[in-house]
Amino acid sequence: MAGHNGSGSSEKKSRDSTTDIPTFSAENLQSNMKIIYYSRTFLSIIGGVVAGILGFTGFAGFILYFVVMAITSVGLIAKAKFSVNSYFDSWNRLILDGFLGGLMSFVLFWTFAYDIVHIF
C-alpha cells in the first residue's frame, strides 16, 4: 500500500504541529482504493462460491457475506499496519467502500455455485 506524502527533511516544518494538515498523494489514494475494491470483489466471489457449495440459503448466506467483509476489513487494516490515516483519508473508505459491489458479486457466485452443486 502506498502511503501519503509526509513532511520530509527537505520541507520546512512549522513550529505549531496542530495546524499541520496531512497531505495525500492522489495517485497513492487511488491505488489504495483499487486494492480495496479488488480485495473485496475477490473475497466476495470466494465467499459466494463457499456459501453455494455449503448449501446456505436465506439469511445464512448473507450472514456469511457480512463475516467475510468483516474479515476483509480487519485484513486490510492489518495490511495498513493499523495506521489507517497514513494510507487513507478516512476510516469509512477502508470499512465501507466496495461493500455493495461485493454484495452483487457474492450473490451472483452464491447462486451459481448453489445451482451447480445442489440442483444439477
PDB file of N, CA and C in Angstrom:
ATOM      1  N   MET A   1       0.846  -1.165   0.000  1.00  0.00           N
ATOM      2  CA  MET A   1       0.000   0.000   0.000  1.00  0.00           C
ATOM      3  C   MET A   1       0.895   1.232   0.000  1.00  0.00           C
ATOM      4  N   ALA A   2       0.469   2.213  -0.692  1.00  0.00           N
ATOM      5  CA  ALA A   2       1.234   3.439  -0.798  1.00  0.00           C
ATOM      6  C   ALA A   2       0.794   4.415   0.282  1.00  0.00           C
ATOM      7  N   GLY A   3       1.759   5.045   0.928  1.00  0.00           N
ATOM      8  CA  GLY A   3       1.462   5.999   1.995  1.00  0.00           C
ATOM      9  C   GLY A   3       1.275   7.395   1.461  1.00  0.00           C
ATOM     10  N   HIS A   4       0.917   8.298   2.370  1.00  0.00           N
ATOM     11  CA  HIS A   4       0.729   9.684   1.955  1.00  0.00           C
ATOM     12  C   HIS A   4       2.051  10.421   1.982  1.00  0.00           C
ATOM     13  N   ASN A   5       2.084  11.577   1.342  1.00  0.00           N
ATOM     14  CA  ASN A   5       3.281  12.392   1.320  1.00  0.00           C
ATOM     15  C   ASN A   5       3.410  13.115   2.648  1.00  0.00           C
ATOM     16  N   GLY A   6       4.282  12.664   3.480  1.00  0.00           N
ATOM     17  CA  GLY A   6       4.508  13.304   4.769  1.00  0.00           C
ATOM     18  C   GLY A   6       5.495  14.445   4.613  1.00  0.00           C
ATOM     19  N   SER A   7       5.732  15.127   5.683  1.00  0.00           N
ATOM     20  CA  SER A   7       6.693  16.225   5.629  1.00  0.00           C
ATOM     21  C   SER A   7       8.088  15.632   5.722  1.00  0.00           C
ATOM     22  N   GLY A   8       8.843  15.747   4.665  1.00  0.00           N
ATOM     23  CA  GLY A   8      10.180  15.188   4.602  1.00  0.00           C
ATOM     24  C   GLY A   8      11.204  16.129   5.189  1.00  0.00           C
ATOM     25  N   SER A   9      12.455  15.731   5.152  1.00  0.00           N
ATOM     26  CA  SER A   9      13.512  16.545   5.734  1.00  0.00           C
ATOM     27  C   SER A   9      13.780  17.798   4.915  1.00  0.00           C
ATOM     28  N   SER A  10      13.446  17.782   3.622  1.00  0.00           N
ATOM     29  CA  SER A  10      13.706  18.943   2.788  1.00  0.00           C
ATOM     30  C   SER A  10      12.610  19.996   2.909  1.00  0.00           C
ATOM     31  N   GLU A  11      11.477  19.632   3.475  1.00  0.00           N
ATOM     32  CA  GLU A  11      10.392  20.589   3.625  1.00  0.00           C
ATOM     33  C   GLU A  11      10.534  21.334   4.945  1.00  0.00           C
ATOM     34  N   LYS A  12      10.023  22.545   4.976  1.00  0.00           N
ATOM     35  CA  LYS A  12      10.047  23.323   6.205  1.00  0.00           C
ATOM     36  C   LYS A  12       8.937  22.842   7.116  1.00  0.00           C
ATOM     37  N   LYS A  13       9.253  22.685   8.381  1.00  0.00           N
ATOM     38  CA  LYS A  13       8.265  22.271   9.357  1.00  0.00           C
ATOM     39  C   LYS A  13       7.832  23.484  10.163  1.00  0.00           C
ATOM     40  N   SER A  14       6.547  23.557  10.409  1.00  0.00           N
ATOM     41  CA  SER A  14       6.064  24.671  11.218  1.00  0.00           C
ATOM     42  C   SER A  14       6.303  24.375  12.684  1.00  0.00           C
ATOM     43  N   ARG A  15       6.348  25.413  13.466  1.00  0.00           N
ATOM     44  CA  ARG A  15       6.603  25.242  14.892  1.00  0.00           C
ATOM     45  C   ARG A  15       5.370  24.695  15.599  1.00  0.00           C
ATOM     46  N   ASP A  16       4.195  24.991  15.106  1.00  0.00           N
ATOM     47  CA  ASP A  16       2.965  24.527  15.723  1.00  0.00           C
ATOM     48  C   ASP A  16       2.426  23.360  14.904  1.00  0.00           C
ATOM     49  N   SER A  17       2.592  22.139  15.413  1.00  0.00           N
ATOM     50  CA  SER A  17       2.213  20.956  14.649  1.00  0.00           C
ATOM     51  C   SER A  17       0.708  20.719  14.645  1.00  0.00           C
ATOM     52  N   THR A  18      -0.062  21.432  15.468  1.00  0.00           N
ATOM     53  CA  THR A  18      -1.506  21.225  15.484  1.00  0.00           C
ATOM     54  C   THR A  18      -2.177  21.825  14.261  1.00  0.00           C
ATOM     55  N   THR A  19      -1.525  22.762  13.586  1.00  0.00           N
ATOM     56  CA  THR A  19      -2.121  23.362  12.402  1.00  0.00           C
ATOM     57  C   THR A  19      -1.691  22.656  11.121  1.00  0.00           C
ATOM     58  N   ASP A  20      -0.810  21.677  11.220  1.00  0.00           N
ATOM     59  CA  ASP A  20      -0.375  20.943  10.036  1.00  0.00           C
ATOM     60  C   ASP A  20      -1.503  20.044   9.537  1.00  0.00           C
ATOM     61  N   ILE A  21      -1.757  20.117   8.264  1.00  0.00           N
ATOM     62  CA  ILE A  21      -2.759  19.277   7.631  1.00  0.00           C
ATOM     63  C   ILE A  21      -2.012  18.219   6.826  1.00  0.00           C
ATOM     64  N   PRO A  22      -2.331  16.940   7.068  1.00  0.00           N
ATOM     65  CA  PRO A  22      -1.625  15.909   6.300  1.00  0.00           C
ATOM     66  C   PRO A  22      -1.969  16.022   4.818  1.00  0.00           C
ATOM     67  N   THR A  23      -0.964  15.862   3.989  1.00  0.00           N
ATOM     68  CA  THR A  23      -1.182  15.898   2.546  1.00  0.00           C
ATOM     69  C   THR A  23      -1.171  14.471   2.010  1.00  0.00           C
ATOM     70  N   PHE A  24      -2.026  14.237   1.056  1.00  0.00           N
ATOM     71  CA  PHE A  24      -2.135  12.918   0.459  1.00  0.00           C
ATOM     72  C   PHE A  24      -1.814  13.004  -1.023  1.00  0.00           C
ATOM     73  N   SER A  25      -1.198  11.974  -1.517  1.00  0.00           N
ATOM     74  CA  SER A  25      -0.949  11.868  -2.943  1.00  0.00           C
ATOM     75  C   SER A  25      -2.187  11.251  -3.597  1.00  0.00           C
ATOM     76  N   ALA A  26      -2.712  11.889  -4.608  1.00  0.00           N
ATOM     77  CA  ALA A  26      -3.913  11.388  -5.279  1.00  0.00           C
ATOM     78  C   ALA A  26      -3.653  10.031  -5.925  1.00  0.00           C
ATOM     79  N   GLU A  27      -2.469   9.839  -6.473  1.00  0.00           N
ATOM     80  CA  GLU A  27      -2.140   8.557  -7.099  1.00  0.00           C
ATOM     81  C   GLU A  27      -2.094   7.442  -6.059  1.00  0.00           C
ATOM     82  N   ASN A  28      -1.519   7.727  -4.893  1.00  0.00           N
ATOM     83  CA  ASN A  28      -1.440   6.707  -3.848  1.00  0.00           C
ATOM     84  C   ASN A  28      -2.815   6.367  -3.302  1.00  0.00           C
ATOM     85  N   LEU A  29      -3.652   7.385  -3.101  1.00  0.00           N
ATOM     86  CA  LEU A  29      -5.016   7.126  -2.637  1.00  0.00           C
ATOM     87  C   LEU A  29      -5.796   6.298  -3.651  1.00  0.00           C
ATOM     88  N   GLN A  30      -5.635   6.616  -4.916  1.00  0.00           N
ATOM     89  CA  GLN A  30      -6.334   5.876  -5.959  1.00  0.00           C
ATOM     90  C   GLN A  30      -5.841   4.424  -6.008  1.00  0.00           C
ATOM     91  N   SER A  31      -4.562   4.226  -5.865  1.00  0.00           N
ATOM     92  CA  SER A  31      -4.008   2.878  -5.843  1.00  0.00           C
ATOM     93  C   SER A  31      -4.531   2.089  -4.643  1.00  0.00           C
ATOM     94  N   ASN A  32      -4.603   2.733  -3.491  1.00  0.00           N
ATOM     95  CA  ASN A  32      -5.113   2.068  -2.293  1.00  0.00           C
ATOM     96  C   ASN A  32      -6.589   1.715  -2.435  1.00  0.00           C
ATOM     97  N   MET A  33      -7.356   2.582  -3.082  1.00  0.00           N
ATOM     98  CA  MET A  33      -8.772   2.303  -3.285  1.00  0.00           C
ATOM     99  C   MET A  33      -8.961   1.130  -4.258  1.00  0.00           C
ATOM    100  N   LYS A  34      -8.099   1.035  -5.264  1.00  0.00           N
ATOM    101  CA  LYS A  34      -8.166  -0.105  -6.177  1.00  0.00           C
ATOM    102  C   LYS A  34      -7.898  -1.401  -5.428  1.00  0.00           C
ATOM    103  N   ILE A  35      -6.942  -1.363  -4.510  1.00  0.00           N
ATOM    104  CA  ILE A  35      -6.634  -2.549  -3.710  1.00  0.00           C
ATOM    105  C   ILE A  35      -7.844  -2.962  -2.892  1.00  0.00           C
ATOM    106  N   ILE A  36      -8.545  -1.990  -2.314  1.00  0.00           N
ATOM    107  CA  ILE A  36      -9.741  -2.288  -1.525  1.00  0.00           C
ATOM    108  C   ILE A  36     -10.803  -2.937  -2.404  1.00  0.00           C
ATOM    109  N   TYR A  37     -11.082  -2.346  -3.560  1.00  0.00           N
ATOM    110  CA  TYR A  37     -12.117  -2.885  -4.437  1.00  0.00           C
ATOM    111  C   TYR A  37     -11.768  -4.280  -4.940  1.00  0.00           C
ATOM    112  N   TYR A  38     -10.522  -4.489  -5.344  1.00  0.00           N
ATOM    113  CA  TYR A  38     -10.118  -5.805  -5.832  1.00  0.00           C
ATOM    114  C   TYR A  38     -10.187  -6.839  -4.716  1.00  0.00           C
ATOM    115  N   SER A  39      -9.752  -6.475  -3.530  1.00  0.00           N
ATOM    116  CA  SER A  39      -9.786  -7.408  -2.404  1.00  0.00           C
ATOM    117  C   SER A  39     -11.214  -7.788  -2.050  1.00  0.00           C
ATOM    118  N   ARG A  40     -12.083  -6.799  -1.964  1.00  0.00           N
ATOM    119  CA  ARG A  40     -13.482  -7.071  -1.617  1.00  0.00           C
ATOM    120  C   ARG A  40     -14.173  -7.899  -2.707  1.00  0.00           C
ATOM    121  N   THR A  41     -13.909  -7.589  -3.950  1.00  0.00           N
ATOM    122  CA  THR A  41     -14.534  -8.338  -5.035  1.00  0.00           C
ATOM    123  C   THR A  41     -14.050  -9.779  -5.046  1.00  0.00           C
ATOM    124  N   PHE A  42     -12.752  -9.973  -4.909  1.00  0.00           N
ATOM    125  CA  PHE A  42     -12.190 -11.328  -4.922  1.00  0.00           C
ATOM    126  C   PHE A  42     -12.728 -12.152  -3.755  1.00  0.00           C
ATOM    127  N   LEU A  43     -12.720 -11.583  -2.554  1.00  0.00           N
ATOM    128  CA  LEU A  43     -13.194 -12.340  -1.401  1.00  0.00           C
ATOM    129  C   LEU A  43     -14.707 -12.519  -1.424  1.00  0.00           C
ATOM    130  N   SER A  44     -15.430 -11.625  -2.073  1.00  0.00           N
ATOM    131  CA  SER A  44     -16.872 -11.821  -2.247  1.00  0.00           C
ATOM    132  C   SER A  44     -17.146 -13.003  -3.164  1.00  0.00           C
ATOM    133  N   ILE A  45     -16.362 -13.123  -4.217  1.00  0.00           N
ATOM    134  CA  ILE A  45     -16.519 -14.253  -5.135  1.00  0.00           C
ATOM    135  C   ILE A  45     -16.208 -15.562  -4.418  1.00  0.00           C
ATOM    136  N   ILE A  46     -15.103 -15.586  -3.686  1.00  0.00           N
ATOM    137  CA  ILE A  46     -14.730 -16.797  -2.944  1.00  0.00           C
ATOM    138  C   ILE A  46     -15.803 -17.139  -1.905  1.00  0.00           C
ATOM    139  N   GLY A  47     -16.281 -16.129  -1.180  1.00  0.00           N
ATOM    140  CA  GLY A  47     -17.324 -16.354  -0.184  1.00  0.00           C
ATOM    141  C   GLY A  47     -18.619 -16.842  -0.805  1.00  0.00           C
ATOM    142  N   GLY A  48     -18.973 -16.308  -1.973  1.00  0.00           N
ATOM    143  CA  GLY A  48     -20.179 -16.757  -2.662  1.00  0.00           C
ATOM    144  C   GLY A  48     -20.081 -18.202  -3.101  1.00  0.00           C
ATOM    145  N   VAL A  49     -18.937 -18.589  -3.595  1.00  0.00           N
ATOM    146  CA  VAL A  49     -18.735 -19.982  -4.008  1.00  0.00           C
ATOM    147  C   VAL A  49     -18.817 -20.909  -2.790  1.00  0.00           C
ATOM    148  N   VAL A  50     -18.193 -20.494  -1.689  1.00  0.00           N
ATOM    149  CA  VAL A  50     -18.229 -21.308  -0.467  1.00  0.00           C
ATOM    150  C   VAL A  50     -19.666 -21.431   0.041  1.00  0.00           C
ATOM    151  N   ALA A  51     -20.412 -20.319   0.051  1.00  0.00           N
ATOM    152  CA  ALA A  51     -21.802 -20.349   0.514  1.00  0.00           C
ATOM    153  C   ALA A  51     -22.648 -21.249  -0.380  1.00  0.00           C
ATOM    154  N   GLY A  52     -22.404 -21.225  -1.681  1.00  0.00           N
ATOM    155  CA  GLY A  52     -23.157 -22.083  -2.590  1.00  0.00           C
ATOM    156  C   GLY A  52     -22.828 -23.543  -2.428  1.00  0.00           C
ATOM    157  N   ILE A  53     -21.554 -23.847  -2.271  1.00  0.00           N
ATOM    158  CA  ILE A  53     -21.144 -25.242  -2.110  1.00  0.00           C
ATOM    159  C   ILE A  53     -21.658 -25.813  -0.788  1.00  0.00           C
ATOM    160  N   LEU A  54     -21.624 -25.005   0.268  1.00  0.00           N
ATOM    161  CA  LEU A  54     -22.113 -25.470   1.563  1.00  0.00           C
ATOM    162  C   LEU A  54     -23.635 -25.522   1.636  1.00  0.00           C
ATOM    163  N   GLY A  55     -24.312 -24.958   0.638  1.00  0.00           N
ATOM    164  CA  GLY A  55     -25.761 -25.049   0.574  1.00  0.00           C
ATOM    165  C   GLY A  55     -26.484 -24.033   1.438  1.00  0.00           C
ATOM    166  N   PHE A  56     -25.846 -22.915   1.733  1.00  0.00           N
ATOM    167  CA  PHE A  56     -26.514 -21.880   2.525  1.00  0.00           C
ATOM    168  C   PHE A  56     -27.654 -21.274   1.721  1.00  0.00           C
ATOM    169  N   THR A  57     -28.765 -21.045   2.383  1.00  0.00           N
ATOM    170  CA  THR A  57     -29.896 -20.364   1.769  1.00  0.00           C
ATOM    171  C   THR A  57     -30.395 -19.287   2.722  1.00  0.00           C
ATOM    172  N   GLY A  58     -31.048 -18.295   2.182  1.00  0.00           N
ATOM    173  CA  GLY A  58     -31.653 -17.251   3.012  1.00  0.00           C
ATOM    174  C   GLY A  58     -30.631 -16.402   3.741  1.00  0.00           C
ATOM    175  N   PHE A  59     -30.960 -16.109   4.994  1.00  0.00           N
ATOM    176  CA  PHE A  59     -30.132 -15.193   5.780  1.00  0.00           C
ATOM    177  C   PHE A  59     -28.771 -15.778   6.134  1.00  0.00           C
ATOM    178  N   ALA A  60     -28.649 -17.091   6.148  1.00  0.00           N
ATOM    179  CA  ALA A  60     -27.365 -17.711   6.477  1.00  0.00           C
ATOM    180  C   ALA A  60     -26.284 -17.298   5.478  1.00  0.00           C
ATOM    181  N   GLY A  61     -26.652 -17.209   4.211  1.00  0.00           N
ATOM    182  CA  GLY A  61     -25.699 -16.780   3.192  1.00  0.00           C
ATOM    183  C   GLY A  61     -25.299 -15.330   3.364  1.00  0.00           C
ATOM    184  N   PHE A  62     -26.267 -14.472   3.697  1.00  0.00           N
ATOM    185  CA  PHE A  62     -25.951 -13.060   3.896  1.00  0.00           C
ATOM    186  C   PHE A  62     -25.118 -12.847   5.151  1.00  0.00           C
ATOM    187  N   ILE A  63     -25.343 -13.653   6.163  1.00  0.00           N
ATOM    188  CA  ILE A  63     -24.513 -13.565   7.370  1.00  0.00           C
ATOM    189  C   ILE A  63     -23.077 -13.940   7.023  1.00  0.00           C
ATOM    190  N   LEU A  64     -22.910 -14.959   6.185  1.00  0.00           N
ATOM    191  CA  LEU A  64     -21.565 -15.320   5.739  1.00  0.00           C
ATOM    192  C   LEU A  64     -20.912 -14.161   5.000  1.00  0.00           C
ATOM    193  N   TYR A  65     -21.693 -13.448   4.193  1.00  0.00           N
ATOM    194  CA  TYR A  65     -21.140 -12.296   3.473  1.00  0.00           C
ATOM    195  C   TYR A  65     -20.653 -11.227   4.447  1.00  0.00           C
ATOM    196  N   PHE A  66     -21.449 -10.937   5.470  1.00  0.00           N
ATOM    197  CA  PHE A  66     -21.032  -9.923   6.450  1.00  0.00           C
ATOM    198  C   PHE A  66     -19.793 -10.366   7.223  1.00  0.00           C
ATOM    199  N   VAL A  67     -19.685 -11.658   7.507  1.00  0.00           N
ATOM    200  CA  VAL A  67     -18.490 -12.177   8.179  1.00  0.00           C
ATOM    201  C   VAL A  67     -17.268 -12.047   7.268  1.00  0.00           C
ATOM    202  N   VAL A  68     -17.434 -12.395   5.998  1.00  0.00           N
ATOM    203  CA  VAL A  68     -16.327 -12.281   5.037  1.00  0.00           C
ATOM    204  C   VAL A  68     -15.883 -10.824   4.898  1.00  0.00           C
ATOM    205  N   MET A  69     -16.827  -9.895   4.837  1.00  0.00           N
ATOM    206  CA  MET A  69     -16.474  -8.468   4.717  1.00  0.00           C
ATOM    207  C   MET A  69     -15.819  -7.942   5.986  1.00  0.00           C
ATOM    208  N   ALA A  70     -16.234  -8.432   7.152  1.00  0.00           N
ATOM    209  CA  ALA A  70     -15.586  -8.030   8.402  1.00  0.00           C
ATOM    210  C   ALA A  70     -14.144  -8.537   8.440  1.00  0.00           C
ATOM    211  N   ILE A  71     -13.942  -9.765   8.012  1.00  0.00           N
ATOM    212  CA  ILE A  71     -12.582 -10.322   7.961  1.00  0.00           C
ATOM    213  C   ILE A  71     -11.737  -9.563   6.946  1.00  0.00           C
ATOM    214  N   THR A  72     -12.343  -9.199   5.830  1.00  0.00           N
ATOM    215  CA  THR A  72     -11.633  -8.417   4.820  1.00  0.00           C
ATOM    216  C   THR A  72     -11.207  -7.058   5.378  1.00  0.00           C
ATOM    217  N   SER A  73     -12.109  -6.397   6.090  1.00  0.00           N
ATOM    218  CA  SER A  73     -11.781  -5.096   6.677  1.00  0.00           C
ATOM    219  C   SER A  73     -10.648  -5.215   7.688  1.00  0.00           C
ATOM    220  N   VAL A  74     -10.708  -6.232   8.524  1.00  0.00           N
ATOM    221  CA  VAL A  74      -9.635  -6.441   9.506  1.00  0.00           C
ATOM    222  C   VAL A  74      -8.322  -6.747   8.798  1.00  0.00           C
ATOM    223  N   GLY A  75      -8.386  -7.542   7.744  1.00  0.00           N
ATOM    224  CA  GLY A  75      -7.178  -7.851   6.981  1.00  0.00           C
ATOM    225  C   GLY A  75      -6.576  -6.618   6.322  1.00  0.00           C
ATOM    226  N   LEU A  76      -7.418  -5.750   5.786  1.00  0.00           N
ATOM    227  CA  LEU A  76      -6.914  -4.517   5.175  1.00  0.00           C
ATOM    228  C   LEU A  76      -6.332  -3.578   6.217  1.00  0.00           C
ATOM    229  N   ILE A  77      -6.954  -3.524   7.389  1.00  0.00           N
ATOM    230  CA  ILE A  77      -6.408  -2.694   8.472  1.00  0.00           C
ATOM    231  C   ILE A  77      -5.057  -3.248   8.915  1.00  0.00           C
ATOM    232  N   ALA A  78      -4.948  -4.572   9.006  1.00  0.00           N
ATOM    233  CA  ALA A  78      -3.671  -5.186   9.368  1.00  0.00           C
ATOM    234  C   ALA A  78      -2.622  -4.937   8.294  1.00  0.00           C
ATOM    235  N   LYS A  79      -3.030  -4.972   7.030  1.00  0.00           N
ATOM    236  CA  LYS A  79      -2.106  -4.694   5.924  1.00  0.00           C
ATOM    237  C   LYS A  79      -1.581  -3.269   6.009  1.00  0.00           C
ATOM    238  N   ALA A  80      -2.423  -2.347   6.509  1.00  0.00           N
ATOM    239  CA  ALA A  80      -2.014  -0.958   6.685  1.00  0.00           C
ATOM    240  C   ALA A  80      -1.260  -0.764   8.000  1.00  0.00           C
ATOM    241  N   LYS A  81      -0.931  -1.863   8.676  1.00  0.00           N
ATOM    242  CA  LYS A  81      -0.200  -1.847   9.942  1.00  0.00           C
ATOM    243  C   LYS A  81      -0.917  -1.013  10.997  1.00  0.00           C
ATOM    244  N   PHE A  82      -2.241  -1.084  10.980  1.00  0.00           N
ATOM    245  CA  PHE A  82      -3.112  -0.411  11.944  1.00  0.00           C
ATOM    246  C   PHE A  82      -2.904   1.103  11.966  1.00  0.00           C
ATOM    247  N   SER A  83      -2.337   1.648  10.910  1.00  0.00           N
ATOM    248  CA  SER A  83      -2.149   3.086  10.763  1.00  0.00           C
ATOM    249  C   SER A  83      -2.947   3.537   9.541  1.00  0.00           C
ATOM    250  N   VAL A  84      -4.252   3.507   9.676  1.00  0.00           N
ATOM    251  CA  VAL A  84      -5.147   3.769   8.559  1.00  0.00           C
ATOM    252  C   VAL A  84      -4.988   5.191   8.037  1.00  0.00           C
ATOM    253  N   ASN A  85      -4.757   6.139   8.917  1.00  0.00           N
ATOM    254  CA  ASN A  85      -4.649   7.536   8.495  1.00  0.00           C
ATOM    255  C   ASN A  85      -3.416   7.803   7.638  1.00  0.00           C
ATOM    256  N   SER A  86      -2.474   6.890   7.611  1.00  0.00           N
ATOM    257  CA  SER A  86      -1.296   7.052   6.759  1.00  0.00           C
ATOM    258  C   SER A  86      -1.570   6.661   5.311  1.00  0.00           C
ATOM    259  N   TYR A  87      -2.602   5.856   5.100  1.00  0.00           N
ATOM    260  CA  TYR A  87      -2.864   5.328   3.772  1.00  0.00           C
ATOM    261  C   TYR A  87      -4.212   5.755   3.181  1.00  0.00           C
ATOM    262  N   PHE A  88      -5.137   6.177   4.031  1.00  0.00           N
ATOM    263  CA  PHE A  88      -6.474   6.559   3.584  1.00  0.00           C
ATOM    264  C   PHE A  88      -6.865   7.863   4.248  1.00  0.00           C
ATOM    265  N   ASP A  89      -7.800   8.573   3.637  1.00  0.00           N
ATOM    266  CA  ASP A  89      -8.211   9.843   4.209  1.00  0.00           C
ATOM    267  C   ASP A  89      -9.275   9.689   5.289  1.00  0.00           C
ATOM    268  N   SER A  90      -9.922   8.510   5.380  1.00  0.00           N
ATOM    269  CA  SER A  90     -10.882   8.274   6.456  1.00  0.00           C
ATOM    270  C   SER A  90     -11.068   6.773   6.666  1.00  0.00           C
ATOM    271  N   TRP A  91     -11.581   6.428   7.830  1.00  0.00           N
ATOM    272  CA  TRP A  91     -11.864   5.034   8.148  1.00  0.00           C
ATOM    273  C   TRP A  91     -12.995   4.488   7.283  1.00  0.00           C
ATOM    274  N   ASN A  92     -13.943   5.348   6.914  1.00  0.00           N
ATOM    275  CA  ASN A  92     -15.084   4.902   6.115  1.00  0.00           C
ATOM    276  C   ASN A  92     -14.654   4.315   4.788  1.00  0.00           C
ATOM    277  N   ARG A  93     -13.602   4.859   4.212  1.00  0.00           N
ATOM    278  CA  ARG A  93     -13.116   4.329   2.931  1.00  0.00           C
ATOM    279  C   ARG A  93     -12.665   2.890   3.080  1.00  0.00           C
ATOM    280  N   LEU A  94     -12.012   2.606   4.159  1.00  0.00           N
ATOM    281  CA  LEU A  94     -11.473   1.268   4.366  1.00  0.00           C
ATOM    282  C   LEU A  94     -12.556   0.263   4.740  1.00  0.00           C
ATOM    283  N   ILE A  95     -13.525   0.693   5.517  1.00  0.00           N
ATOM    284  CA  ILE A  95     -14.519  -0.229   6.041  1.00  0.00           C
ATOM    285  C   ILE A  95     -15.710  -0.402   5.102  1.00  0.00           C
ATOM    286  N   LEU A  96     -16.172   0.665   4.454  1.00  0.00           N
ATOM    287  CA  LEU A  96     -17.429   0.606   3.720  1.00  0.00           C
ATOM    288  C   LEU A  96     -17.309   0.607   2.202  1.00  0.00           C
ATOM    289  N   ASP A  97     -16.243   1.143   1.642  1.00  0.00           N
ATOM    290  CA  ASP A  97     -16.156   1.235   0.186  1.00  0.00           C
ATOM    291  C   ASP A  97     -16.077  -0.146  -0.450  1.00  0.00           C
ATOM    292  N   GLY A  98     -16.825  -0.333  -1.503  1.00  0.00           N
ATOM    293  CA  GLY A  98     -16.852  -1.601  -2.209  1.00  0.00           C
ATOM    294  C   GLY A  98     -17.791  -2.622  -1.602  1.00  0.00           C
ATOM    295  N   PHE A  99     -18.542  -2.224  -0.585  1.00  0.00           N
ATOM    296  CA  PHE A  99     -19.417  -3.163   0.116  1.00  0.00           C
ATOM    297  C   PHE A  99     -20.565  -3.638  -0.768  1.00  0.00           C
ATOM    298  N   LEU A 100     -21.253  -2.726  -1.438  1.00  0.00           N
ATOM    299  CA  LEU A 100     -22.398  -3.124  -2.269  1.00  0.00           C
ATOM    300  C   LEU A 100     -21.964  -3.819  -3.558  1.00  0.00           C
ATOM    301  N   GLY A 101     -20.868  -3.372  -4.143  1.00  0.00           N
ATOM    302  CA  GLY A 101     -20.353  -4.058  -5.328  1.00  0.00           C
ATOM    303  C   GLY A 101     -19.955  -5.481  -5.011  1.00  0.00           C
ATOM    304  N   GLY A 102     -19.375  -5.673  -3.860  1.00  0.00           N
ATOM    305  CA  GLY A 102     -19.021  -7.016  -3.417  1.00  0.00           C
ATOM    306  C   GLY A 102     -20.240  -7.869  -3.160  1.00  0.00           C
ATOM    307  N   LEU A 103     -21.319  -7.239  -2.682  1.00  0.00           N
ATOM    308  CA  LEU A 103     -22.549  -7.976  -2.420  1.00  0.00           C
ATOM    309  C   LEU A 103     -23.137  -8.536  -3.707  1.00  0.00           C
ATOM    310  N   MET A 104     -23.082  -7.769  -4.763  1.00  0.00           N
ATOM    311  CA  MET A 104     -23.603  -8.252  -6.044  1.00  0.00           C
ATOM    312  C   MET A 104     -22.784  -9.439  -6.566  1.00  0.00           C
ATOM    313  N   SER A 105     -21.469  -9.356  -6.442  1.00  0.00           N
ATOM    314  CA  SER A 105     -20.615 -10.474  -6.861  1.00  0.00           C
ATOM    315  C   SER A 105     -20.873 -11.700  -5.997  1.00  0.00           C
ATOM    316  N   PHE A 106     -21.045 -11.472  -4.693  1.00  0.00           N
ATOM    317  CA  PHE A 106     -21.315 -12.574  -3.772  1.00  0.00           C
ATOM    318  C   PHE A 106     -22.593 -13.312  -4.166  1.00  0.00           C
ATOM    319  N   VAL A 107     -23.669 -12.576  -4.381  1.00  0.00           N
ATOM    320  CA  VAL A 107     -24.955 -13.199  -4.723  1.00  0.00           C
ATOM    321  C   VAL A 107     -24.868 -13.934  -6.062  1.00  0.00           C
ATOM    322  N   LEU A 108     -24.181 -13.346  -7.024  1.00  0.00           N
ATOM    323  CA  LEU A 108     -24.037 -13.992  -8.325  1.00  0.00           C
ATOM    324  C   LEU A 108     -23.346 -15.346  -8.192  1.00  0.00           C
ATOM    325  N   PHE A 109     -22.204 -15.387  -7.516  1.00  0.00           N
ATOM    326  CA  PHE A 109     -21.459 -16.643  -7.410  1.00  0.00           C
ATOM    327  C   PHE A 109     -22.080 -17.593  -6.399  1.00  0.00           C
ATOM    328  N   TRP A 110     -22.788 -17.069  -5.423  1.00  0.00           N
ATOM    329  CA  TRP A 110     -23.525 -17.906  -4.469  1.00  0.00           C
ATOM    330  C   TRP A 110     -24.591 -18.715  -5.194  1.00  0.00           C
ATOM    331  N   THR A 111     -25.409 -18.028  -5.992  1.00  0.00           N
ATOM    332  CA  THR A 111     -26.476 -18.733  -6.711  1.00  0.00           C
ATOM    333  C   THR A 111     -25.902 -19.657  -7.786  1.00  0.00           C
ATOM    334  N   PHE A 112     -24.830 -19.242  -8.425  1.00  0.00           N
ATOM    335  CA  PHE A 112     -24.203 -20.066  -9.457  1.00  0.00           C
ATOM    336  C   PHE A 112     -23.668 -21.371  -8.855  1.00  0.00           C
ATOM    337  N   ALA A 113     -22.915 -21.264  -7.761  1.00  0.00           N
ATOM    338  CA  ALA A 113     -22.349 -22.461  -7.138  1.00  0.00           C
ATOM    339  C   ALA A 113     -23.441 -23.332  -6.537  1.00  0.00           C
ATOM    340  N   TYR A 114     -24.456 -22.718  -5.949  1.00  0.00           N
ATOM    341  CA  TYR A 114     -25.558 -23.493  -5.379  1.00  0.00           C
ATOM    342  C   TYR A 114     -26.286 -24.280  -6.462  1.00  0.00           C
ATOM    343  N   ASP A 115     -26.551 -23.629  -7.578  1.00  0.00           N
ATOM    344  CA  ASP A 115     -27.227 -24.301  -8.690  1.00  0.00           C
ATOM    345  C   ASP A 115     -26.420 -25.465  -9.230  1.00  0.00           C
ATOM    346  N   ILE A 116     -25.132 -25.283  -9.390  1.00  0.00           N
ATOM    347  CA  ILE A 116     -24.280 -26.330  -9.947  1.00  0.00           C
ATOM    348  C   ILE A 116     -24.186 -27.524  -9.005  1.00  0.00           C
ATOM    349  N   VAL A 117     -24.002 -27.259  -7.704  1.00  0.00           N
ATOM    350  CA  VAL A 117     -23.772 -28.344  -6.764  1.00  0.00           C
ATOM    351  C   VAL A 117     -25.072 -29.019  -6.325  1.00  0.00           C
ATOM    352  N   HIS A 118     -26.104 -28.246  -6.041  1.00  0.00           N
ATOM    353  CA  HIS A 118     -27.291 -28.810  -5.419  1.00  0.00           C
ATOM    354  C   HIS A 118     -28.476 -29.047  -6.349  1.00  0.00           C
ATOM    355  N   ILE A 119     -28.486 -28.419  -7.505  1.00  0.00           N
ATOM    356  CA  ILE A 119     -29.628 -28.581  -8.402  1.00  0.00           C
ATOM    357  C   ILE A 119     -29.291 -29.477  -9.587  1.00  0.00           C
ATOM    358  N   PHE A 120     -28.137 -29.284 -10.185  1.00  0.00           N
ATOM    359  CA  PHE A 120     -27.793 -30.071 -11.383  1.00  0.00           C
ATOM    360  C   PHE A 120     -27.120 -31.339 -11.030  1.00  0.00           C
TER     361      PHE A 120
END
